[in-house]
């Protein structure tokens, strides 16, 4: 299983109303397609989930959380 641990989210996913995520991270996720990617930088999206292709994305937020994969 591949798990990608990020600080910032990918552009357009879990990155809040201002779309503050990284285009480079989105490109990498689309290219590599890890099973799971986690981030936490955008606190307003804490606890949210999304999906890019086959990759499940989680914003764990400042408190963290448990996820089932």
PDB file of N, CA and C in Angstrom:
ATOM      1  N   UNK A   1       0.849  -1.179   0.000  1.00  0.00           N
ATOM      2  CA  UNK A   1       0.000   0.000   0.000  1.00  0.00           C
ATOM      3  C   UNK A   1       0.891   1.237   0.000  1.00  0.00           C
ATOM      4  N   UNK A   2       0.552   2.175  -0.837  1.00  0.00           N
ATOM      5  CA  UNK A   2       1.251   3.456  -0.882  1.00  0.00           C
ATOM      6  C   UNK A   2       0.456   4.488  -0.109  1.00  0.00           C
ATOM      7  N   UNK A   3       1.138   5.202   0.790  1.00  0.00           N
ATOM      8  CA  UNK A   3       0.535   6.305   1.535  1.00  0.00           C
ATOM      9  C   UNK A   3       1.416   7.528   1.329  1.00  0.00           C
ATOM     10  N   UNK A   4       0.814   8.601   0.852  1.00  0.00           N
ATOM     11  CA  UNK A   4       1.524   9.850   0.635  1.00  0.00           C
ATOM     12  C   UNK A   4       1.135  10.813   1.748  1.00  0.00           C
ATOM     13  N   UNK A   5       2.121  11.288   2.500  1.00  0.00           N
ATOM     14  CA  UNK A   5       1.883  12.205   3.610  1.00  0.00           C
ATOM     15  C   UNK A   5       2.342  13.595   3.173  1.00  0.00           C
ATOM     16  N   UNK A   6       1.401  14.531   3.176  1.00  0.00           N
ATOM     17  CA  UNK A   6       1.642  15.883   2.686  1.00  0.00           C
ATOM     18  C   UNK A   6       1.372  16.906   3.781  1.00  0.00           C
ATOM     19  N   UNK A   7       1.910  18.074   3.634  1.00  0.00           N
ATOM     20  CA  UNK A   7       1.511  19.192   4.493  1.00  0.00           C
ATOM     21  C   UNK A   7       0.329  19.897   3.829  1.00  0.00           C
ATOM     22  N   UNK A   8       0.538  20.387   2.631  1.00  0.00           N
ATOM     23  CA  UNK A   8      -0.517  21.068   1.874  1.00  0.00           C
ATOM     24  C   UNK A   8      -1.313  20.064   1.058  1.00  0.00           C
ATOM     25  N   UNK A   9      -2.565  20.381   0.749  1.00  0.00           N
ATOM     26  CA  UNK A   9      -3.373  19.504  -0.097  1.00  0.00           C
ATOM     27  C   UNK A   9      -3.103  19.761  -1.577  1.00  0.00           C
ATOM     28  N   UNK A  10      -3.561  18.853  -2.439  1.00  0.00           N
ATOM     29  CA  UNK A  10      -3.469  19.113  -3.873  1.00  0.00           C
ATOM     30  C   UNK A  10      -4.475  20.177  -4.293  1.00  0.00           C
ATOM     31  N   UNK A  11      -4.162  20.918  -5.331  1.00  0.00           N
ATOM     32  CA  UNK A  11      -5.013  21.999  -5.854  1.00  0.00           C
ATOM     33  C   UNK A  11      -6.413  21.491  -6.168  1.00  0.00           C
ATOM     34  N   UNK A  12      -7.403  22.175  -5.598  1.00  0.00           N
ATOM     35  CA  UNK A  12      -8.795  21.855  -5.894  1.00  0.00           C
ATOM     36  C   UNK A  12      -9.418  20.785  -5.012  1.00  0.00           C
ATOM     37  N   UNK A  13      -8.650  20.222  -4.100  1.00  0.00           N
ATOM     38  CA  UNK A  13      -9.142  19.154  -3.234  1.00  0.00           C
ATOM     39  C   UNK A  13      -8.772  19.457  -1.781  1.00  0.00           C
ATOM     40  N   UNK A  14      -9.739  19.508  -0.919  1.00  0.00           N
ATOM     41  CA  UNK A  14      -9.519  19.710   0.517  1.00  0.00           C
ATOM     42  C   UNK A  14      -8.731  20.978   0.806  1.00  0.00           C
ATOM     43  N   UNK A  15      -8.834  21.951  -0.104  1.00  0.00           N
ATOM     44  CA  UNK A  15      -8.015  23.152   0.045  1.00  0.00           C
ATOM     45  C   UNK A  15      -8.818  24.425   0.306  1.00  0.00           C
ATOM     46  N   UNK A  16     -10.058  24.268   0.753  1.00  0.00           N
ATOM     47  CA  UNK A  16     -10.853  25.417   1.178  1.00  0.00           C
ATOM     48  C   UNK A  16     -11.422  26.237   0.035  1.00  0.00           C
ATOM     49  N   UNK A  17     -12.176  27.229   0.401  1.00  0.00           N
ATOM     50  CA  UNK A  17     -12.872  28.069  -0.572  1.00  0.00           C
ATOM     51  C   UNK A  17     -11.902  28.879  -1.433  1.00  0.00           C
ATOM     52  N   UNK A  18     -10.715  29.110  -0.927  1.00  0.00           N
ATOM     53  CA  UNK A  18      -9.739  29.925  -1.675  1.00  0.00           C
ATOM     54  C   UNK A  18      -8.859  29.096  -2.597  1.00  0.00           C
ATOM     55  N   UNK A  19      -9.066  27.791  -2.633  1.00  0.00           N
ATOM     56  CA  UNK A  19      -8.304  26.884  -3.488  1.00  0.00           C
ATOM     57  C   UNK A  19      -6.798  27.101  -3.346  1.00  0.00           C
ATOM     58  N   UNK A  20      -6.298  26.879  -2.123  1.00  0.00           N
ATOM     59  CA  UNK A  20      -4.906  27.150  -1.800  1.00  0.00           C
ATOM     60  C   UNK A  20      -3.972  25.963  -1.995  1.00  0.00           C
ATOM     61  N   UNK A  21      -4.461  24.875  -2.562  1.00  0.00           N
ATOM     62  CA  UNK A  21      -3.639  23.684  -2.720  1.00  0.00           C
ATOM     63  C   UNK A  21      -2.570  23.824  -3.786  1.00  0.00           C
ATOM     64  N   UNK A  22      -1.755  22.798  -3.905  1.00  0.00           N
ATOM     65  CA  UNK A  22      -0.601  22.789  -4.795  1.00  0.00           C
ATOM     66  C   UNK A  22      -0.899  22.045  -6.098  1.00  0.00           C
ATOM     67  N   UNK A  23      -0.641  22.710  -7.216  1.00  0.00           N
ATOM     68  CA  UNK A  23      -0.790  22.080  -8.531  1.00  0.00           C
ATOM     69  C   UNK A  23       0.240  20.961  -8.697  1.00  0.00           C
ATOM     70  N   UNK A  24       1.452  21.170  -8.194  1.00  0.00           N
ATOM     71  CA  UNK A  24       2.501  20.152  -8.310  1.00  0.00           C
ATOM     72  C   UNK A  24       2.105  18.874  -7.563  1.00  0.00           C
ATOM     73  N   UNK A  25       1.487  19.025  -6.379  1.00  0.00           N
ATOM     74  CA  UNK A  25       1.038  17.839  -5.635  1.00  0.00           C
ATOM     75  C   UNK A  25      -0.088  17.127  -6.362  1.00  0.00           C
ATOM     76  N   UNK A  26      -1.011  17.879  -6.952  1.00  0.00           N
ATOM     77  CA  UNK A  26      -2.084  17.255  -7.730  1.00  0.00           C
ATOM     78  C   UNK A  26      -1.504  16.477  -8.905  1.00  0.00           C
ATOM     79  N   UNK A  27      -0.553  17.076  -9.618  1.00  0.00           N
ATOM     80  CA  UNK A  27       0.089  16.376 -10.745  1.00  0.00           C
ATOM     81  C   UNK A  27       0.763  15.086 -10.288  1.00  0.00           C
ATOM     82  N   UNK A  28       1.441  15.135  -9.143  1.00  0.00           N
ATOM     83  CA  UNK A  28       2.128  13.942  -8.624  1.00  0.00           C
ATOM     84  C   UNK A  28       1.133  12.849  -8.244  1.00  0.00           C
ATOM     85  N   UNK A  29       0.043  13.226  -7.594  1.00  0.00           N
ATOM     86  CA  UNK A  29      -0.979  12.241  -7.212  1.00  0.00           C
ATOM     87  C   UNK A  29      -1.601  11.618  -8.451  1.00  0.00           C
ATOM     88  N   UNK A  30      -1.899  12.428  -9.448  1.00  0.00           N
ATOM     89  CA  UNK A  30      -2.481  11.888 -10.686  1.00  0.00           C
ATOM     90  C   UNK A  30      -1.513  10.947 -11.393  1.00  0.00           C
ATOM     91  N   UNK A  31      -0.232  11.246 -11.332  1.00  0.00           N
ATOM     92  CA  UNK A  31       0.775  10.422 -12.002  1.00  0.00           C
ATOM     93  C   UNK A  31       1.043   9.120 -11.243  1.00  0.00           C
ATOM     94  N   UNK A  32       1.216   9.188  -9.920  1.00  0.00           N
ATOM     95  CA  UNK A  32       1.619   8.031  -9.118  1.00  0.00           C
ATOM     96  C   UNK A  32       0.425   7.212  -8.635  1.00  0.00           C
ATOM     97  N   UNK A  33      -0.702   7.867  -8.351  1.00  0.00           N
ATOM     98  CA  UNK A  33      -1.911   7.221  -7.850  1.00  0.00           C
ATOM     99  C   UNK A  33      -1.675   6.373  -6.599  1.00  0.00           C
ATOM    100  N   UNK A  34      -1.130   6.986  -5.513  1.00  0.00           N
ATOM    101  CA  UNK A  34      -1.028   6.223  -4.268  1.00  0.00           C
ATOM    102  C   UNK A  34      -2.423   5.859  -3.784  1.00  0.00           C
ATOM    103  N   UNK A  35      -2.518   4.846  -2.973  1.00  0.00           N
ATOM    104  CA  UNK A  35      -3.840   4.427  -2.474  1.00  0.00           C
ATOM    105  C   UNK A  35      -4.453   5.495  -1.575  1.00  0.00           C
ATOM    106  N   UNK A  36      -3.616   6.142  -0.753  1.00  0.00           N
ATOM    107  CA  UNK A  36      -4.084   7.138   0.214  1.00  0.00           C
ATOM    108  C   UNK A  36      -3.115   8.313   0.233  1.00  0.00           C
ATOM    109  N   UNK A  37      -3.652   9.529   0.371  1.00  0.00           N
ATOM    110  CA  UNK A  37      -2.844  10.725   0.616  1.00  0.00           C
ATOM    111  C   UNK A  37      -3.495  11.492   1.761  1.00  0.00           C
ATOM    112  N   UNK A  38      -2.677  11.942   2.710  1.00  0.00           N
ATOM    113  CA  UNK A  38      -3.199  12.700   3.849  1.00  0.00           C
ATOM    114  C   UNK A  38      -2.508  14.057   3.902  1.00  0.00           C
ATOM    115  N   UNK A  39      -3.261  15.065   4.344  1.00  0.00           N
ATOM    116  CA  UNK A  39      -2.733  16.413   4.499  1.00  0.00           C
ATOM    117  C   UNK A  39      -3.398  17.047   5.718  1.00  0.00           C
ATOM    118  N   UNK A  40      -3.115  18.314   5.966  1.00  0.00           N
ATOM    119  CA  UNK A  40      -3.726  18.941   7.132  1.00  0.00           C
ATOM    120  C   UNK A  40      -3.578  20.445   7.175  1.00  0.00           C
ATOM    121  N   UNK A  41      -2.932  21.042   6.201  1.00  0.00           N
ATOM    122  CA  UNK A  41      -2.593  22.467   6.244  1.00  0.00           C
ATOM    123  C   UNK A  41      -3.814  23.397   6.282  1.00  0.00           C
ATOM    124  N   UNK A  42      -4.851  23.075   5.545  1.00  0.00           N
ATOM    125  CA  UNK A  42      -6.033  23.945   5.462  1.00  0.00           C
ATOM    126  C   UNK A  42      -7.016  23.533   6.556  1.00  0.00           C
ATOM    127  N   UNK A  43      -6.983  24.224   7.679  1.00  0.00           N
ATOM    128  CA  UNK A  43      -7.771  23.835   8.853  1.00  0.00           C
ATOM    129  C   UNK A  43      -9.271  23.890   8.596  1.00  0.00           C
ATOM    130  N   UNK A  44      -9.725  24.783   7.713  1.00  0.00           N
ATOM    131  CA  UNK A  44     -11.168  24.871   7.442  1.00  0.00           C
ATOM    132  C   UNK A  44     -11.706  23.612   6.763  1.00  0.00           C
ATOM    133  N   UNK A  45     -10.826  22.783   6.216  1.00  0.00           N
ATOM    134  CA  UNK A  45     -11.241  21.538   5.569  1.00  0.00           C
ATOM    135  C   UNK A  45     -10.950  20.310   6.429  1.00  0.00           C
ATOM    136  N   UNK A  46     -10.594  20.524   7.679  1.00  0.00           N
ATOM    137  CA  UNK A  46     -10.268  19.418   8.583  1.00  0.00           C
ATOM    138  C   UNK A  46     -11.417  18.418   8.646  1.00  0.00           C
ATOM    139  N   UNK A  47     -11.056  17.144   8.562  1.00  0.00           N
ATOM    140  CA  UNK A  47     -12.044  16.077   8.647  1.00  0.00           C
ATOM    141  C   UNK A  47     -12.712  15.728   7.328  1.00  0.00           C
ATOM    142  N   UNK A  48     -12.402  16.465   6.278  1.00  0.00           N
ATOM    143  CA  UNK A  48     -13.020  16.195   4.973  1.00  0.00           C
ATOM    144  C   UNK A  48     -12.233  15.145   4.202  1.00  0.00           C
ATOM    145  N   UNK A  49     -12.941  14.516   3.265  1.00  0.00           N
ATOM    146  CA  UNK A  49     -12.365  13.502   2.377  1.00  0.00           C
ATOM    147  C   UNK A  49     -12.655  13.870   0.939  1.00  0.00           C
ATOM    148  N   UNK A  50     -11.813  13.389   0.033  1.00  0.00           N
ATOM    149  CA  UNK A  50     -12.042  13.566  -1.403  1.00  0.00           C
ATOM    150  C   UNK A  50     -11.356  12.400  -2.113  1.00  0.00           C
ATOM    151  N   UNK A  51     -11.460  12.387  -3.421  1.00  0.00           N
ATOM    152  CA  UNK A  51     -10.828  11.333  -4.203  1.00  0.00           C
ATOM    153  C   UNK A  51     -10.315  11.910  -5.510  1.00  0.00           C
ATOM    154  N   UNK A  52      -9.086  11.536  -5.877  1.00  0.00           N
ATOM    155  CA  UNK A  52      -8.492  11.869  -7.168  1.00  0.00           C
ATOM    156  C   UNK A  52      -8.188  10.545  -7.840  1.00  0.00           C
ATOM    157  N   UNK A  53      -8.928  10.194  -8.873  1.00  0.00           N
ATOM    158  CA  UNK A  53      -8.755   8.881  -9.488  1.00  0.00           C
ATOM    159  C   UNK A  53      -8.993   7.808  -8.454  1.00  0.00           C
ATOM    160  N   UNK A  54      -8.016   6.937  -8.263  1.00  0.00           N
ATOM    161  CA  UNK A  54      -8.114   5.863  -7.272  1.00  0.00           C
ATOM    162  C   UNK A  54      -7.574   6.267  -5.898  1.00  0.00           C
ATOM    163  N   UNK A  55      -7.036   7.471  -5.777  1.00  0.00           N
ATOM    164  CA  UNK A  55      -6.422   7.923  -4.525  1.00  0.00           C
ATOM    165  C   UNK A  55      -7.457   8.543  -3.599  1.00  0.00           C
ATOM    166  N   UNK A  56      -7.546   8.011  -2.381  1.00  0.00           N
ATOM    167  CA  UNK A  56      -8.406   8.598  -1.348  1.00  0.00           C
ATOM    168  C   UNK A  56      -7.608   9.673  -0.625  1.00  0.00           C
ATOM    169  N   UNK A  57      -8.184  10.869  -0.524  1.00  0.00           N
ATOM    170  CA  UNK A  57      -7.532  11.997   0.129  1.00  0.00           C
ATOM    171  C   UNK A  57      -8.231  12.296   1.448  1.00  0.00           C
ATOM    172  N   UNK A  58      -7.439  12.609   2.469  1.00  0.00           N
ATOM    173  CA  UNK A  58      -7.978  12.958   3.780  1.00  0.00           C
ATOM    174  C   UNK A  58      -7.268  14.200   4.294  1.00  0.00           C
ATOM    175  N   UNK A  59      -8.032  15.183   4.771  1.00  0.00           N
ATOM    176  CA  UNK A  59      -7.454  16.311   5.504  1.00  0.00           C
ATOM    177  C   UNK A  59      -7.619  15.983   6.982  1.00  0.00           C
ATOM    178  N   UNK A  60      -6.540  15.650   7.637  1.00  0.00           N
ATOM    179  CA  UNK A  60      -6.589  15.211   9.031  1.00  0.00           C
ATOM    180  C   UNK A  60      -6.716  16.368  10.008  1.00  0.00           C
ATOM    181  N   UNK A  61      -6.439  17.596   9.549  1.00  0.00           N
ATOM    182  CA  UNK A  61      -6.586  18.762  10.407  1.00  0.00           C
ATOM    183  C   UNK A  61      -5.529  18.833  11.493  1.00  0.00           C
ATOM    184  N   UNK A  62      -5.592  19.867  12.307  1.00  0.00           N
ATOM    185  CA  UNK A  62      -4.542  20.074  13.316  1.00  0.00           C
ATOM    186  C   UNK A  62      -4.584  19.054  14.456  1.00  0.00           C
ATOM    187  N   UNK A  63      -5.722  18.413  14.665  1.00  0.00           N
ATOM    188  CA  UNK A  63      -5.839  17.444  15.755  1.00  0.00           C
ATOM    189  C   UNK A  63      -5.545  16.022  15.326  1.00  0.00           C
ATOM    190  N   UNK A  64      -5.506  15.781  14.007  1.00  0.00           N
ATOM    191  CA  UNK A  64      -5.323  14.424  13.509  1.00  0.00           C
ATOM    192  C   UNK A  64      -6.573  13.585  13.705  1.00  0.00           C
ATOM    193  N   UNK A  65      -6.555  12.379  13.216  1.00  0.00           N
ATOM    194  CA  UNK A  65      -7.688  11.472  13.346  1.00  0.00           C
ATOM    195  C   UNK A  65      -7.257  10.085  12.923  1.00  0.00           C
ATOM    196  N   UNK A  66      -8.087   9.103  13.150  1.00  0.00           N
ATOM    197  CA  UNK A  66      -7.877   7.734  12.671  1.00  0.00           C
ATOM    198  C   UNK A  66      -8.674   7.559  11.395  1.00  0.00           C
ATOM    199  N   UNK A  67      -8.079   6.872  10.412  1.00  0.00           N
ATOM    200  CA  UNK A  67      -8.803   6.555   9.187  1.00  0.00           C
ATOM    201  C   UNK A  67      -8.669   5.061   8.918  1.00  0.00           C
ATOM    202  N   UNK A  68      -9.676   4.505   8.264  1.00  0.00           N
ATOM    203  CA  UNK A  68      -9.622   3.103   7.831  1.00  0.00           C
ATOM    204  C   UNK A  68      -9.344   3.060   6.361  1.00  0.00           C
ATOM    205  N   UNK A  69      -8.330   2.259   5.985  1.00  0.00           N
ATOM    206  CA  UNK A  69      -7.987   2.119   4.571  1.00  0.00           C
ATOM    207  C   UNK A  69      -8.024   0.659   4.175  1.00  0.00           C
TER     208      UNK A  69
END
